[in-house]
Amino acid sequence: MPKIRTRHSVRRRIKKTSTGKLMRRMSCVGHLKTKKPRKRKRRLKKNVRITPGLEKQLKRLL
């Protein structure tokens, strides 16, 4: 059975922590920042953990 190749798009968007969790960036941060409040932009800067259901699928792609 051949190896599963790494999906480069997934590799760019998702980081793996040292404990094995997958982290992603929040959406809505790319543009139109002037109309968003500071508080919202601060919260959007942080990385969030990927849900366990998707994590299993995405680990195969990495």
C-alpha atoms as a PDB file:
ATOM      1  CA  MET A   1       0.000   0.000   0.000  1.00  0.00           C
ATOM      2  CA  PRO A   2       1.479   3.395  -0.969  1.00  0.00           C
ATOM      3  CA  LYS A   3       2.203   6.128   1.553  1.00  0.00           C
ATOM      4  CA  ILE A   4      -0.272   8.965   1.942  1.00  0.00           C
ATOM      5  CA  ARG A   5       1.278  12.177   0.663  1.00  0.00           C
ATOM      6  CA  THR A   6       1.320  15.325   2.788  1.00  0.00           C
ATOM      7  CA  ARG A   7      -1.195  17.938   1.687  1.00  0.00           C
ATOM      8  CA  HIS A   8       0.835  21.121   1.438  1.00  0.00           C
ATOM      9  CA  SER A   9      -2.219  23.358   1.860  1.00  0.00           C
ATOM     10  CA  VAL A  10      -3.006  21.689   5.188  1.00  0.00           C
ATOM     11  CA  ARG A  11       0.623  21.825   6.273  1.00  0.00           C
ATOM     12  CA  ARG A  12       0.669  25.603   5.714  1.00  0.00           C
ATOM     13  CA  ARG A  13      -2.527  26.299   7.655  1.00  0.00           C
ATOM     14  CA  ILE A  14      -2.183  23.934  10.593  1.00  0.00           C
ATOM     15  CA  LYS A  15       0.548  23.650  13.218  1.00  0.00           C
ATOM     16  CA  LYS A  16       1.137  20.682  15.478  1.00  0.00           C
ATOM     17  CA  THR A  17       1.980  21.378  19.129  1.00  0.00           C
ATOM     18  CA  SER A  18       4.514  19.423  21.134  1.00  0.00           C
ATOM     19  CA  THR A  19       1.684  17.508  22.844  1.00  0.00           C
ATOM     20  CA  GLY A  20       0.201  16.513  19.484  1.00  0.00           C
ATOM     21  CA  LYS A  21      -2.766  18.895  19.295  1.00  0.00           C
ATOM     22  CA  LEU A  22      -3.515  20.668  16.036  1.00  0.00           C
ATOM     23  CA  MET A  23      -3.895  24.444  16.058  1.00  0.00           C
ATOM     24  CA  ARG A  24      -5.306  26.781  13.407  1.00  0.00           C
ATOM     25  CA  ARG A  25      -5.750  30.516  13.009  1.00  0.00           C
ATOM     26  CA  MET A  26      -9.096  32.219  13.444  1.00  0.00           C
ATOM     27  CA  SER A  27     -10.952  33.418  10.361  1.00  0.00           C
ATOM     28  CA  CYS A  28     -11.950  37.036   9.564  1.00  0.00           C
ATOM     29  CA  VAL A  29      -8.481  38.476  10.233  1.00  0.00           C
ATOM     30  CA  GLY A  30      -7.240  38.991   6.683  1.00  0.00           C
ATOM     31  CA  HIS A  31      -8.747  42.352   5.738  1.00  0.00           C
ATOM     32  CA  LEU A  32     -11.355  45.034   6.628  1.00  0.00           C
ATOM     33  CA  LYS A  33      -9.719  45.548  10.004  1.00  0.00           C
ATOM     34  CA  THR A  34     -10.727  49.198  10.403  1.00  0.00           C
ATOM     35  CA  LYS A  35     -14.356  48.450  11.185  1.00  0.00           C
ATOM     36  CA  LYS A  36     -13.632  45.692  13.702  1.00  0.00           C
ATOM     37  CA  PRO A  37     -13.225  46.691  17.357  1.00  0.00           C
ATOM     38  CA  ARG A  38      -9.833  46.271  19.056  1.00  0.00           C
ATOM     39  CA  LYS A  39     -11.203  43.681  21.436  1.00  0.00           C
ATOM     40  CA  ARG A  40     -12.404  41.486  18.565  1.00  0.00           C
ATOM     41  CA  LYS A  41      -9.102  41.796  16.692  1.00  0.00           C
ATOM     42  CA  ARG A  42      -7.180  40.812  19.830  1.00  0.00           C
ATOM     43  CA  ARG A  43      -9.298  37.688  20.233  1.00  0.00           C
ATOM     44  CA  LEU A  44      -8.930  36.814  16.553  1.00  0.00           C
ATOM     45  CA  LYS A  45      -5.110  36.947  16.791  1.00  0.00           C
ATOM     46  CA  LYS A  46      -4.971  33.834  18.946  1.00  0.00           C
ATOM     47  CA  ASN A  47      -4.737  30.320  17.612  1.00  0.00           C
ATOM     48  CA  VAL A  48      -7.515  27.863  18.419  1.00  0.00           C
ATOM     49  CA  ARG A  49      -7.511  24.108  18.738  1.00  0.00           C
ATOM     50  CA  ILE A  50      -9.092  22.019  16.008  1.00  0.00           C
ATOM     51  CA  THR A  51     -12.053  19.942  17.152  1.00  0.00           C
ATOM     52  CA  PRO A  52     -11.284  16.280  17.906  1.00  0.00           C
ATOM     53  CA  GLY A  53     -13.561  15.081  15.097  1.00  0.00           C
ATOM     54  CA  LEU A  54     -11.604  16.926  12.423  1.00  0.00           C
ATOM     55  CA  GLU A  55      -8.274  16.301  14.110  1.00  0.00           C
ATOM     56  CA  LYS A  56      -8.216  12.626  13.173  1.00  0.00           C
ATOM     57  CA  GLN A  57      -8.853  13.391   9.491  1.00  0.00           C
ATOM     58  CA  LEU A  58      -6.300  16.207   9.340  1.00  0.00           C
ATOM     59  CA  LYS A  59      -3.548  14.180  11.028  1.00  0.00           C
ATOM     60  CA  ARG A  60      -3.718  11.754   8.110  1.00  0.00           C
ATOM     61  CA  LEU A  61      -3.155  14.611   5.680  1.00  0.00           C
ATOM     62  CA  LEU A  62      -0.093  15.944   7.528  1.00  0.00           C
END
